Amino acid sequence: MSEEQTVKKNRRRLQGRVISTARQKTVTVLVERRVPHPLYGKIVTRSRKFHAHCEDPNVALNDVVEIEESRPISKTKHWVVTRVVTKATVV
């Protein structure tokens, strides 16, 4: 079966902010979501960090990126940066 004929499965896509670019070809992405508290109903922010594979050298701190689930690349990397949604603003 060639690459054109392979069926790409539905993979999870998340959007988050780059908080670390210390390693080569790896970025740490902070994904925040707002959910109601199960008992009190107040909206609280839940966050989680993901290590994502990134070939693009132009990804910088505080960029908002989209990551997609992929095969395991290393012990901690199971996500790939698919695109940069917004670049960080320089103040």
N, C-alpha and C. Protein backbone atom coordinates (compact mmCIF):
# COMPACT_ATOMS: atom_id res chain seq x y z
N MET A 1 0.84 -1.17 0.00
CA MET A 1 0.00 0.00 0.00
C MET A 1 0.89 1.24 0.00
N SER A 2 0.70 2.16 -0.93
CA SER A 2 1.53 3.35 -1.01
C SER A 2 1.05 4.41 -0.01
N GLU A 3 1.82 5.48 0.11
CA GLU A 3 1.49 6.52 1.07
C GLU A 3 0.19 7.23 0.72
N GLU A 4 -0.13 7.35 -0.56
CA GLU A 4 -1.37 8.01 -0.96
C GLU A 4 -2.59 7.19 -0.56
N GLN A 5 -2.43 5.86 -0.50
CA GLN A 5 -3.56 4.99 -0.22
C GLN A 5 -3.78 4.76 1.27
N THR A 6 -2.82 5.13 2.11
CA THR A 6 -3.00 4.91 3.53
C THR A 6 -4.06 5.85 4.07
N VAL A 7 -4.87 5.32 4.97
CA VAL A 7 -5.94 6.10 5.55
C VAL A 7 -5.44 6.71 6.85
N LYS A 8 -5.52 8.04 6.95
CA LYS A 8 -5.08 8.73 8.16
C LYS A 8 -6.24 8.69 9.16
N LYS A 9 -5.98 8.11 10.31
CA LYS A 9 -7.01 8.00 11.33
C LYS A 9 -7.26 9.36 11.97
N ASN A 10 -8.42 9.49 12.59
CA ASN A 10 -8.71 10.71 13.33
C ASN A 10 -7.80 10.76 14.54
N ARG A 11 -7.01 11.83 14.60
CA ARG A 11 -6.08 11.99 15.71
C ARG A 11 -6.47 13.22 16.50
N ARG A 12 -6.20 13.17 17.80
CA ARG A 12 -6.52 14.32 18.65
C ARG A 12 -5.65 15.50 18.26
N ARG A 13 -6.24 16.68 18.25
CA ARG A 13 -5.51 17.92 18.00
C ARG A 13 -5.79 18.86 19.15
N LEU A 14 -4.73 19.45 19.66
CA LEU A 14 -4.84 20.40 20.76
C LEU A 14 -4.11 21.68 20.40
N GLN A 15 -4.50 22.75 21.07
CA GLN A 15 -3.85 24.03 20.86
C GLN A 15 -3.28 24.50 22.19
N GLY A 16 -2.04 24.98 22.16
CA GLY A 16 -1.42 25.42 23.40
C GLY A 16 -0.28 26.38 23.15
N ARG A 17 0.34 26.81 24.25
CA ARG A 17 1.41 27.81 24.20
C ARG A 17 2.74 27.14 24.47
N VAL A 18 3.76 27.49 23.69
CA VAL A 18 5.11 26.93 23.85
C VAL A 18 5.74 27.56 25.09
N ILE A 19 6.17 26.71 26.04
CA ILE A 19 6.77 27.24 27.26
C ILE A 19 8.25 26.86 27.38
N SER A 20 8.75 25.99 26.50
CA SER A 20 10.16 25.63 26.53
C SER A 20 10.62 25.18 25.16
N THR A 21 11.81 25.66 24.77
CA THR A 21 12.44 25.23 23.51
C THR A 21 13.88 24.83 23.78
N ALA A 22 14.15 24.31 24.96
CA ALA A 22 15.52 24.04 25.40
C ALA A 22 16.17 22.87 24.64
N ARG A 23 15.37 21.92 24.18
CA ARG A 23 15.94 20.74 23.52
C ARG A 23 15.85 20.85 22.01
N GLN A 24 16.69 20.09 21.33
CA GLN A 24 16.68 20.09 19.87
C GLN A 24 15.46 19.33 19.38
N LYS A 25 14.72 19.94 18.45
CA LYS A 25 13.56 19.33 17.80
C LYS A 25 12.47 18.92 18.77
N THR A 26 12.44 19.51 19.96
CA THR A 26 11.40 19.22 20.94
C THR A 26 10.96 20.52 21.60
N VAL A 27 9.66 20.71 21.71
CA VAL A 27 9.13 21.85 22.45
C VAL A 27 8.17 21.33 23.51
N THR A 28 8.03 22.10 24.58
CA THR A 28 7.05 21.79 25.61
C THR A 28 5.88 22.73 25.42
N VAL A 29 4.67 22.16 25.32
CA VAL A 29 3.47 22.93 25.04
C VAL A 29 2.54 22.83 26.24
N LEU A 30 2.07 23.99 26.73
CA LEU A 30 1.12 24.04 27.83
C LEU A 30 -0.27 24.19 27.25
N VAL A 31 -1.14 23.21 27.50
CA VAL A 31 -2.51 23.23 27.01
C VAL A 31 -3.42 23.51 28.20
N GLU A 32 -4.20 24.59 28.09
CA GLU A 32 -5.12 24.96 29.16
C GLU A 32 -6.55 24.77 28.68
N ARG A 33 -7.41 24.29 29.58
CA ARG A 33 -8.82 24.15 29.25
C ARG A 33 -9.63 24.62 30.45
N ARG A 34 -10.79 25.15 30.18
CA ARG A 34 -11.65 25.68 31.23
C ARG A 34 -12.85 24.76 31.39
N VAL A 35 -13.02 24.24 32.60
CA VAL A 35 -14.10 23.29 32.87
C VAL A 35 -14.81 23.69 34.16
N PRO A 36 -16.09 23.35 34.29
CA PRO A 36 -16.77 23.64 35.55
C PRO A 36 -16.35 22.66 36.65
N HIS A 37 -16.24 23.17 37.86
CA HIS A 37 -15.92 22.32 39.01
C HIS A 37 -17.06 21.33 39.19
N PRO A 38 -16.74 20.05 39.46
CA PRO A 38 -17.80 19.04 39.51
C PRO A 38 -18.85 19.29 40.60
N LEU A 39 -18.48 19.88 41.72
CA LEU A 39 -19.42 20.09 42.81
C LEU A 39 -19.98 21.51 42.83
N TYR A 40 -19.10 22.50 42.67
CA TYR A 40 -19.52 23.88 42.88
C TYR A 40 -19.91 24.60 41.59
N GLY A 41 -19.51 24.10 40.45
CA GLY A 41 -19.92 24.69 39.20
C GLY A 41 -19.09 25.88 38.75
N LYS A 42 -18.15 26.34 39.57
CA LYS A 42 -17.31 27.46 39.18
C LYS A 42 -16.37 27.02 38.05
N ILE A 43 -16.13 27.92 37.09
CA ILE A 43 -15.24 27.61 35.98
C ILE A 43 -13.80 27.68 36.48
N VAL A 44 -13.07 26.58 36.35
CA VAL A 44 -11.67 26.53 36.77
C VAL A 44 -10.81 26.17 35.56
N THR A 45 -9.54 26.58 35.62
CA THR A 45 -8.61 26.31 34.53
C THR A 45 -7.78 25.08 34.85
N ARG A 46 -7.80 24.13 33.97
CA ARG A 46 -6.97 22.93 34.10
C ARG A 46 -5.88 23.01 33.04
N SER A 47 -4.66 22.63 33.39
CA SER A 47 -3.58 22.70 32.42
C SER A 47 -2.78 21.42 32.42
N ARG A 48 -2.13 21.17 31.30
CA ARG A 48 -1.30 19.99 31.14
C ARG A 48 -0.18 20.30 30.16
N LYS A 49 1.00 19.75 30.40
CA LYS A 49 2.13 19.97 29.52
C LYS A 49 2.38 18.75 28.65
N PHE A 50 2.69 19.00 27.38
CA PHE A 50 2.99 17.93 26.44
C PHE A 50 4.34 18.22 25.79
N HIS A 51 5.13 17.18 25.56
CA HIS A 51 6.36 17.30 24.79
C HIS A 51 5.99 16.97 23.34
N ALA A 52 6.38 17.86 22.42
CA ALA A 52 6.00 17.68 21.02
C ALA A 52 7.23 17.79 20.13
N HIS A 53 7.25 16.96 19.08
CA HIS A 53 8.33 16.99 18.11
C HIS A 53 8.11 18.18 17.18
N CYS A 54 9.19 18.94 16.93
CA CYS A 54 9.07 20.15 16.12
C CYS A 54 10.29 20.28 15.22
N GLU A 55 10.09 20.14 13.92
CA GLU A 55 11.18 20.31 12.96
C GLU A 55 11.43 21.78 12.63
N ASP A 56 10.43 22.64 12.83
CA ASP A 56 10.53 24.05 12.45
C ASP A 56 11.41 24.81 13.44
N PRO A 57 12.54 25.39 12.99
CA PRO A 57 13.41 26.13 13.91
C PRO A 57 12.87 27.50 14.28
N ASN A 58 11.78 27.95 13.64
CA ASN A 58 11.25 29.28 13.90
C ASN A 58 10.24 29.31 15.04
N VAL A 59 9.95 28.19 15.65
CA VAL A 59 9.02 28.16 16.78
C VAL A 59 9.75 28.72 18.00
N ALA A 60 9.12 29.72 18.65
CA ALA A 60 9.76 30.40 19.78
C ALA A 60 8.86 30.33 21.01
N LEU A 61 9.38 30.82 22.12
CA LEU A 61 8.61 30.86 23.36
C LEU A 61 7.35 31.69 23.18
N ASN A 62 6.28 31.28 23.83
CA ASN A 62 4.98 31.95 23.85
C ASN A 62 4.24 31.93 22.51
N ASP A 63 4.73 31.19 21.52
CA ASP A 63 3.95 30.99 20.29
C ASP A 63 2.78 30.07 20.61
N VAL A 64 1.66 30.31 19.98
CA VAL A 64 0.52 29.41 20.11
C VAL A 64 0.59 28.43 18.95
N VAL A 65 0.65 27.13 19.26
CA VAL A 65 0.82 26.11 18.23
C VAL A 65 -0.29 25.07 18.33
N GLU A 66 -0.47 24.34 17.23
CA GLU A 66 -1.39 23.22 17.21
C GLU A 66 -0.56 21.94 17.20
N ILE A 67 -0.90 21.01 18.09
CA ILE A 67 -0.18 19.74 18.14
C ILE A 67 -1.15 18.62 17.81
N GLU A 68 -0.59 17.56 17.24
CA GLU A 68 -1.40 16.41 16.84
C GLU A 68 -0.78 15.14 17.39
N GLU A 69 -1.63 14.25 17.83
CA GLU A 69 -1.18 12.97 18.37
C GLU A 69 -0.50 12.16 17.27
N SER A 70 0.57 11.43 17.64
CA SER A 70 1.29 10.62 16.65
C SER A 70 1.80 9.35 17.32
N ARG A 71 2.54 8.60 16.55
CA ARG A 71 3.16 7.40 17.10
C ARG A 71 4.20 7.82 18.15
N PRO A 72 4.58 6.95 19.06
CA PRO A 72 5.61 7.31 20.04
C PRO A 72 6.94 7.61 19.36
N ILE A 73 7.48 8.79 19.60
CA ILE A 73 8.75 9.20 19.00
C ILE A 73 9.89 8.93 19.99
N SER A 74 9.62 9.11 21.27
CA SER A 74 10.59 8.79 22.32
C SER A 74 9.80 8.43 23.57
N LYS A 75 10.48 8.35 24.69
CA LYS A 75 9.81 7.96 25.93
C LYS A 75 8.70 8.93 26.32
N THR A 76 8.92 10.21 26.08
CA THR A 76 7.93 11.22 26.49
C THR A 76 7.25 11.93 25.34
N LYS A 77 7.71 11.75 24.10
CA LYS A 77 7.13 12.47 22.97
C LYS A 77 6.14 11.60 22.19
N HIS A 78 4.87 12.03 22.19
CA HIS A 78 3.83 11.35 21.43
C HIS A 78 3.01 12.35 20.63
N TRP A 79 3.51 13.56 20.47
CA TRP A 79 2.80 14.63 19.78
C TRP A 79 3.74 15.29 18.78
N VAL A 80 3.16 15.88 17.73
CA VAL A 80 3.93 16.57 16.69
C VAL A 80 3.30 17.95 16.49
N VAL A 81 4.14 18.98 16.37
CA VAL A 81 3.64 20.32 16.08
C VAL A 81 3.23 20.35 14.61
N THR A 82 1.97 20.67 14.34
CA THR A 82 1.48 20.70 12.96
C THR A 82 1.54 22.10 12.37
N ARG A 83 1.26 23.13 13.17
CA ARG A 83 1.32 24.49 12.64
C ARG A 83 1.42 25.49 13.78
N VAL A 84 1.92 26.68 13.42
CA VAL A 84 1.98 27.79 14.36
C VAL A 84 0.74 28.63 14.14
N VAL A 85 -0.10 28.75 15.17
CA VAL A 85 -1.35 29.50 15.04
C VAL A 85 -1.07 30.99 15.10
N THR A 86 -0.37 31.43 16.16
CA THR A 86 0.02 32.84 16.27
C THR A 86 1.43 32.92 16.82
N LYS A 87 2.17 33.90 16.31
CA LYS A 87 3.53 34.14 16.81
C LYS A 87 3.45 34.98 18.06
N ALA A 88 4.46 34.84 18.94
CA ALA A 88 4.51 35.63 20.17
C ALA A 88 4.81 37.08 19.81
N THR A 89 4.18 38.00 20.55
CA THR A 89 4.43 39.42 20.32
C THR A 89 5.64 39.86 21.12
N VAL A 90 6.48 40.69 20.51
CA VAL A 90 7.67 41.21 21.17
C VAL A 90 7.29 42.54 21.83
N VAL A 91 7.55 42.62 23.13
CA VAL A 91 7.19 43.83 23.87
C VAL A 91 8.45 44.63 24.19
